[in-house]
Amino acid sequence: MNKILPLEISASEVKEKLEANHPVALIDVREHSEHAICRIEGAELIPMRMIPQHLPLLKDRAGQFRLVFYCHHGVRSLQVVNWLRRQGISACQSLSGGIERWSLEIDPEVPRY
């Protein structure tokens, strides 16, 4: 039986999974202008408003990866995860605190805004 993932995942848990080469796909749901300011290395940008048209791609990826979505503070990404779960994608989580928390706890080189 598949374990149900919590809606959110901490920055330290994401870092541990990435360092252990677990199949994690980081997806940034912020806008292009925010992405231009800062980003987490290796993440893919799919702005929140574009998520519905990427649903087939995300369903496919969810079969191979744990999808971890992030935004600035974690509000938009949590909305995305809630919506995706209603669409049947359970292998997804929101980065708690967003890129702000990532910058504070994991990588201070990521600019804050």
N, C-alpha and C. Protein backbone atom coordinates (compact mmCIF):
# COMPACT_ATOMS: atom_id res chain seq x y z
N MET A 1 0.84 -1.19 0.00
CA MET A 1 0.00 0.00 0.00
C MET A 1 0.88 1.24 0.00
N ASN A 2 0.51 2.25 -0.78
CA ASN A 2 1.27 3.50 -0.83
C ASN A 2 0.98 4.35 0.39
N LYS A 3 2.03 4.89 0.93
CA LYS A 3 1.90 5.79 2.08
C LYS A 3 1.43 7.16 1.58
N ILE A 4 0.47 7.75 2.29
CA ILE A 4 -0.01 9.07 1.93
C ILE A 4 0.99 10.10 2.44
N LEU A 5 1.48 10.92 1.54
CA LEU A 5 2.45 11.95 1.89
C LEU A 5 1.76 13.12 2.59
N PRO A 6 2.42 13.73 3.57
CA PRO A 6 1.88 14.98 4.13
C PRO A 6 1.81 16.03 3.02
N LEU A 7 0.92 17.01 3.19
CA LEU A 7 0.78 18.07 2.18
C LEU A 7 2.05 18.90 2.03
N GLU A 8 2.77 19.08 3.14
CA GLU A 8 3.97 19.91 3.11
C GLU A 8 5.20 19.09 3.49
N ILE A 9 6.34 19.58 3.00
CA ILE A 9 7.63 18.97 3.32
C ILE A 9 8.58 20.11 3.69
N SER A 10 9.42 19.88 4.69
CA SER A 10 10.34 20.94 5.13
C SER A 10 11.52 21.06 4.18
N ALA A 11 12.15 22.22 4.23
CA ALA A 11 13.34 22.46 3.41
C ALA A 11 14.43 21.45 3.72
N SER A 12 14.62 21.13 4.99
CA SER A 12 15.68 20.17 5.35
C SER A 12 15.36 18.77 4.83
N GLU A 13 14.09 18.39 4.82
CA GLU A 13 13.72 17.08 4.27
C GLU A 13 13.97 17.03 2.77
N VAL A 14 13.65 18.11 2.07
CA VAL A 14 13.90 18.16 0.63
C VAL A 14 15.40 18.05 0.36
N LYS A 15 16.19 18.80 1.11
CA LYS A 15 17.65 18.76 0.93
C LYS A 15 18.18 17.34 1.15
N GLU A 16 17.70 16.67 2.21
CA GLU A 16 18.14 15.29 2.49
C GLU A 16 17.79 14.36 1.34
N LYS A 17 16.59 14.49 0.81
CA LYS A 17 16.16 13.62 -0.28
C LYS A 17 16.99 13.88 -1.54
N LEU A 18 17.25 15.14 -1.84
CA LEU A 18 18.07 15.47 -3.01
C LEU A 18 19.49 14.94 -2.84
N GLU A 19 20.06 15.11 -1.66
CA GLU A 19 21.43 14.63 -1.42
C GLU A 19 21.52 13.11 -1.47
N ALA A 20 20.43 12.42 -1.13
CA ALA A 20 20.40 10.96 -1.16
C ALA A 20 19.97 10.43 -2.54
N ASN A 21 19.84 11.35 -3.50
CA ASN A 21 19.44 11.01 -4.87
C ASN A 21 18.09 10.32 -4.96
N HIS A 22 17.17 10.68 -4.06
CA HIS A 22 15.80 10.19 -4.17
C HIS A 22 15.17 10.87 -5.38
N PRO A 23 14.21 10.22 -6.02
CA PRO A 23 13.56 10.82 -7.19
C PRO A 23 12.62 11.96 -6.81
N VAL A 24 13.18 13.17 -6.77
CA VAL A 24 12.43 14.38 -6.41
C VAL A 24 12.52 15.36 -7.58
N ALA A 25 11.36 15.90 -7.96
CA ALA A 25 11.33 16.95 -8.99
C ALA A 25 10.85 18.23 -8.32
N LEU A 26 11.70 19.25 -8.31
CA LEU A 26 11.34 20.55 -7.74
C LEU A 26 10.67 21.39 -8.82
N ILE A 27 9.50 21.94 -8.49
CA ILE A 27 8.76 22.75 -9.45
C ILE A 27 8.39 24.08 -8.81
N ASP A 28 8.86 25.14 -9.44
CA ASP A 28 8.64 26.51 -8.98
C ASP A 28 7.35 27.03 -9.61
N VAL A 29 6.37 27.41 -8.79
CA VAL A 29 5.09 27.89 -9.31
C VAL A 29 4.97 29.41 -9.27
N ARG A 30 6.10 30.10 -9.02
CA ARG A 30 6.09 31.56 -9.02
C ARG A 30 6.04 32.08 -10.45
N GLU A 31 5.94 33.37 -10.58
CA GLU A 31 5.92 34.01 -11.90
C GLU A 31 7.36 34.18 -12.43
N HIS A 32 7.47 34.40 -13.74
CA HIS A 32 8.78 34.57 -14.37
C HIS A 32 9.58 35.69 -13.71
N SER A 33 8.92 36.78 -13.33
CA SER A 33 9.64 37.91 -12.72
C SER A 33 10.23 37.51 -11.37
N GLU A 34 9.55 36.66 -10.61
CA GLU A 34 10.09 36.20 -9.33
C GLU A 34 11.23 35.22 -9.56
N HIS A 35 11.06 34.35 -10.53
CA HIS A 35 12.07 33.36 -10.87
C HIS A 35 13.37 34.04 -11.29
N ALA A 36 13.24 35.21 -11.93
CA ALA A 36 14.42 35.96 -12.37
C ALA A 36 15.23 36.48 -11.18
N ILE A 37 14.57 36.70 -10.05
CA ILE A 37 15.26 37.20 -8.85
C ILE A 37 16.07 36.11 -8.18
N CYS A 38 15.46 34.93 -8.05
CA CYS A 38 16.14 33.81 -7.39
C CYS A 38 15.44 32.50 -7.74
N ARG A 39 16.16 31.42 -7.58
CA ARG A 39 15.61 30.09 -7.84
C ARG A 39 16.43 29.04 -7.11
N ILE A 40 15.83 27.88 -6.96
CA ILE A 40 16.55 26.74 -6.41
C ILE A 40 17.14 25.99 -7.60
N GLU A 41 18.44 25.76 -7.55
CA GLU A 41 19.14 25.10 -8.65
C GLU A 41 18.47 23.76 -8.99
N GLY A 42 18.23 23.57 -10.27
CA GLY A 42 17.65 22.31 -10.74
C GLY A 42 16.13 22.28 -10.79
N ALA A 43 15.48 23.33 -10.29
CA ALA A 43 14.02 23.37 -10.30
C ALA A 43 13.51 23.80 -11.67
N GLU A 44 12.31 23.35 -11.97
CA GLU A 44 11.64 23.72 -13.22
C GLU A 44 10.58 24.78 -12.92
N LEU A 45 10.47 25.76 -13.76
CA LEU A 45 9.47 26.82 -13.59
C LEU A 45 8.20 26.47 -14.35
N ILE A 46 7.09 26.34 -13.60
CA ILE A 46 5.75 26.23 -14.18
C ILE A 46 4.86 27.15 -13.35
N PRO A 47 4.65 28.39 -13.80
CA PRO A 47 3.84 29.32 -13.02
C PRO A 47 2.47 28.71 -12.66
N MET A 48 1.98 29.07 -11.50
CA MET A 48 0.74 28.51 -10.97
C MET A 48 -0.39 28.50 -12.00
N ARG A 49 -0.55 29.58 -12.73
CA ARG A 49 -1.65 29.68 -13.70
C ARG A 49 -1.50 28.69 -14.85
N MET A 50 -0.29 28.13 -15.03
CA MET A 50 -0.02 27.19 -16.11
C MET A 50 -0.15 25.73 -15.69
N ILE A 51 -0.34 25.49 -14.40
CA ILE A 51 -0.40 24.12 -13.89
C ILE A 51 -1.49 23.29 -14.58
N PRO A 52 -2.73 23.80 -14.74
CA PRO A 52 -3.76 22.96 -15.37
C PRO A 52 -3.37 22.45 -16.76
N GLN A 53 -2.72 23.28 -17.56
CA GLN A 53 -2.35 22.80 -18.89
C GLN A 53 -1.17 21.84 -18.86
N HIS A 54 -0.46 21.78 -17.75
CA HIS A 54 0.65 20.83 -17.59
C HIS A 54 0.22 19.56 -16.85
N LEU A 55 -1.07 19.40 -16.59
CA LEU A 55 -1.56 18.26 -15.82
C LEU A 55 -1.12 16.91 -16.40
N PRO A 56 -1.23 16.67 -17.71
CA PRO A 56 -0.78 15.37 -18.24
C PRO A 56 0.71 15.11 -17.96
N LEU A 57 1.53 16.13 -18.14
CA LEU A 57 2.97 16.01 -17.87
C LEU A 57 3.21 15.71 -16.39
N LEU A 58 2.50 16.43 -15.52
CA LEU A 58 2.68 16.24 -14.07
C LEU A 58 2.21 14.85 -13.64
N LYS A 59 1.13 14.37 -14.23
CA LYS A 59 0.66 13.01 -13.91
C LYS A 59 1.72 11.99 -14.30
N ASP A 60 2.33 12.19 -15.44
CA ASP A 60 3.38 11.29 -15.89
C ASP A 60 4.58 11.34 -14.95
N ARG A 61 5.00 12.53 -14.60
CA ARG A 61 6.16 12.68 -13.71
C ARG A 61 5.89 12.13 -12.32
N ALA A 62 4.64 12.25 -11.86
CA ALA A 62 4.30 11.77 -10.51
C ALA A 62 4.47 10.25 -10.40
N GLY A 63 4.46 9.56 -11.53
CA GLY A 63 4.71 8.13 -11.52
C GLY A 63 6.18 7.80 -11.33
N GLN A 64 7.04 8.78 -11.53
CA GLN A 64 8.49 8.56 -11.44
C GLN A 64 9.16 9.33 -10.32
N PHE A 65 8.54 10.45 -9.92
CA PHE A 65 9.16 11.35 -8.95
C PHE A 65 8.17 11.78 -7.88
N ARG A 66 8.71 12.20 -6.75
CA ARG A 66 7.91 12.96 -5.79
C ARG A 66 7.99 14.40 -6.28
N LEU A 67 6.85 15.00 -6.54
CA LEU A 67 6.80 16.37 -7.03
C LEU A 67 6.76 17.32 -5.83
N VAL A 68 7.75 18.19 -5.74
CA VAL A 68 7.79 19.17 -4.65
C VAL A 68 7.65 20.55 -5.29
N PHE A 69 6.54 21.21 -4.96
CA PHE A 69 6.24 22.53 -5.50
C PHE A 69 6.65 23.60 -4.50
N TYR A 70 7.11 24.73 -5.01
CA TYR A 70 7.43 25.84 -4.12
C TYR A 70 7.07 27.16 -4.76
N CYS A 71 6.87 28.15 -3.89
CA CYS A 71 6.61 29.52 -4.31
C CYS A 71 7.43 30.41 -3.38
N HIS A 72 6.98 31.62 -3.12
CA HIS A 72 7.74 32.53 -2.26
C HIS A 72 7.68 32.10 -0.80
N HIS A 73 6.46 31.95 -0.27
CA HIS A 73 6.30 31.59 1.15
C HIS A 73 5.56 30.28 1.39
N GLY A 74 5.09 29.63 0.33
CA GLY A 74 4.44 28.33 0.48
C GLY A 74 2.92 28.35 0.37
N VAL A 75 2.33 29.51 0.12
CA VAL A 75 0.87 29.60 0.03
C VAL A 75 0.38 29.10 -1.34
N ARG A 76 0.93 29.65 -2.40
CA ARG A 76 0.51 29.23 -3.75
C ARG A 76 0.84 27.77 -4.00
N SER A 77 2.02 27.34 -3.57
CA SER A 77 2.39 25.95 -3.82
C SER A 77 1.47 24.99 -3.06
N LEU A 78 1.01 25.37 -1.89
CA LEU A 78 0.06 24.53 -1.15
C LEU A 78 -1.27 24.46 -1.88
N GLN A 79 -1.70 25.57 -2.48
CA GLN A 79 -2.92 25.56 -3.28
C GLN A 79 -2.76 24.63 -4.49
N VAL A 80 -1.61 24.67 -5.12
CA VAL A 80 -1.34 23.79 -6.26
C VAL A 80 -1.40 22.34 -5.83
N VAL A 81 -0.77 21.99 -4.72
CA VAL A 81 -0.76 20.61 -4.24
C VAL A 81 -2.18 20.15 -3.91
N ASN A 82 -2.95 20.99 -3.26
CA ASN A 82 -4.34 20.63 -2.96
C ASN A 82 -5.12 20.36 -4.25
N TRP A 83 -4.94 21.21 -5.26
CA TRP A 83 -5.63 21.03 -6.53
C TRP A 83 -5.18 19.75 -7.22
N LEU A 84 -3.86 19.50 -7.24
CA LEU A 84 -3.34 18.30 -7.90
C LEU A 84 -3.84 17.03 -7.23
N ARG A 85 -3.94 17.06 -5.92
CA ARG A 85 -4.45 15.88 -5.22
C ARG A 85 -5.91 15.62 -5.59
N ARG A 86 -6.67 16.67 -5.79
CA ARG A 86 -8.07 16.49 -6.24
C ARG A 86 -8.12 15.93 -7.66
N GLN A 87 -7.03 16.12 -8.43
CA GLN A 87 -6.95 15.59 -9.79
C GLN A 87 -6.37 14.17 -9.80
N GLY A 88 -6.08 13.63 -8.62
CA GLY A 88 -5.59 12.26 -8.52
C GLY A 88 -4.08 12.11 -8.42
N ILE A 89 -3.36 13.20 -8.28
CA ILE A 89 -1.89 13.11 -8.13
C ILE A 89 -1.56 13.19 -6.64
N SER A 90 -1.17 12.07 -6.07
CA SER A 90 -0.89 12.04 -4.64
C SER A 90 0.60 12.20 -4.31
N ALA A 91 1.47 11.98 -5.29
CA ALA A 91 2.92 12.06 -5.05
C ALA A 91 3.41 13.50 -5.20
N CYS A 92 2.75 14.41 -4.48
CA CYS A 92 3.14 15.81 -4.56
C CYS A 92 3.07 16.45 -3.17
N GLN A 93 3.96 17.41 -2.96
CA GLN A 93 4.03 18.13 -1.69
C GLN A 93 4.42 19.58 -1.95
N SER A 94 4.12 20.41 -0.98
CA SER A 94 4.50 21.82 -1.02
C SER A 94 5.68 22.04 -0.09
N LEU A 95 6.66 22.78 -0.55
CA LEU A 95 7.81 23.13 0.29
C LEU A 95 7.34 24.14 1.33
N SER A 96 7.30 23.72 2.57
CA SER A 96 6.84 24.57 3.67
C SER A 96 7.71 25.81 3.79
N GLY A 97 7.09 26.98 3.73
CA GLY A 97 7.84 28.23 3.83
C GLY A 97 8.43 28.72 2.52
N GLY A 98 8.31 27.92 1.47
CA GLY A 98 8.75 28.31 0.14
C GLY A 98 10.24 28.59 0.01
N ILE A 99 10.57 29.34 -1.02
CA ILE A 99 11.97 29.64 -1.29
C ILE A 99 12.56 30.54 -0.20
N GLU A 100 11.70 31.27 0.49
CA GLU A 100 12.15 32.09 1.62
C GLU A 100 12.79 31.19 2.69
N ARG A 101 12.09 30.11 3.04
CA ARG A 101 12.62 29.17 4.04
C ARG A 101 13.87 28.48 3.52
N TRP A 102 13.87 28.14 2.23
CA TRP A 102 15.05 27.50 1.62
C TRP A 102 16.27 28.41 1.77
N SER A 103 16.09 29.70 1.51
CA SER A 103 17.19 30.66 1.62
C SER A 103 17.66 30.79 3.07
N LEU A 104 16.72 30.83 4.00
CA LEU A 104 17.07 30.99 5.42
C LEU A 104 17.73 29.76 6.01
N GLU A 105 17.27 28.56 5.63
CA GLU A 105 17.73 27.33 6.29
C GLU A 105 18.75 26.51 5.49
N ILE A 106 18.69 26.59 4.18
CA ILE A 106 19.50 25.67 3.37
C ILE A 106 20.59 26.39 2.58
N ASP A 107 20.22 27.41 1.83
CA ASP A 107 21.18 28.06 0.93
C ASP A 107 21.07 29.58 1.01
N PRO A 108 21.89 30.20 1.87
CA PRO A 108 21.85 31.65 2.01
C PRO A 108 22.28 32.40 0.76
N GLU A 109 22.82 31.70 -0.22
CA GLU A 109 23.20 32.33 -1.49
C GLU A 109 21.96 32.64 -2.35
N VAL A 110 20.85 32.00 -2.03
CA VAL A 110 19.60 32.28 -2.73
C VAL A 110 19.06 33.62 -2.21
N PRO A 111 18.98 34.64 -3.06
CA PRO A 111 18.54 35.96 -2.59
C PRO A 111 17.12 35.93 -2.02
N ARG A 112 16.90 36.75 -1.01
CA ARG A 112 15.56 36.91 -0.43
C ARG A 112 14.95 38.19 -0.99
N TYR A 113 13.63 38.18 -1.10
CA TYR A 113 12.94 39.36 -1.62
C TYR A 113 11.62 39.56 -0.93
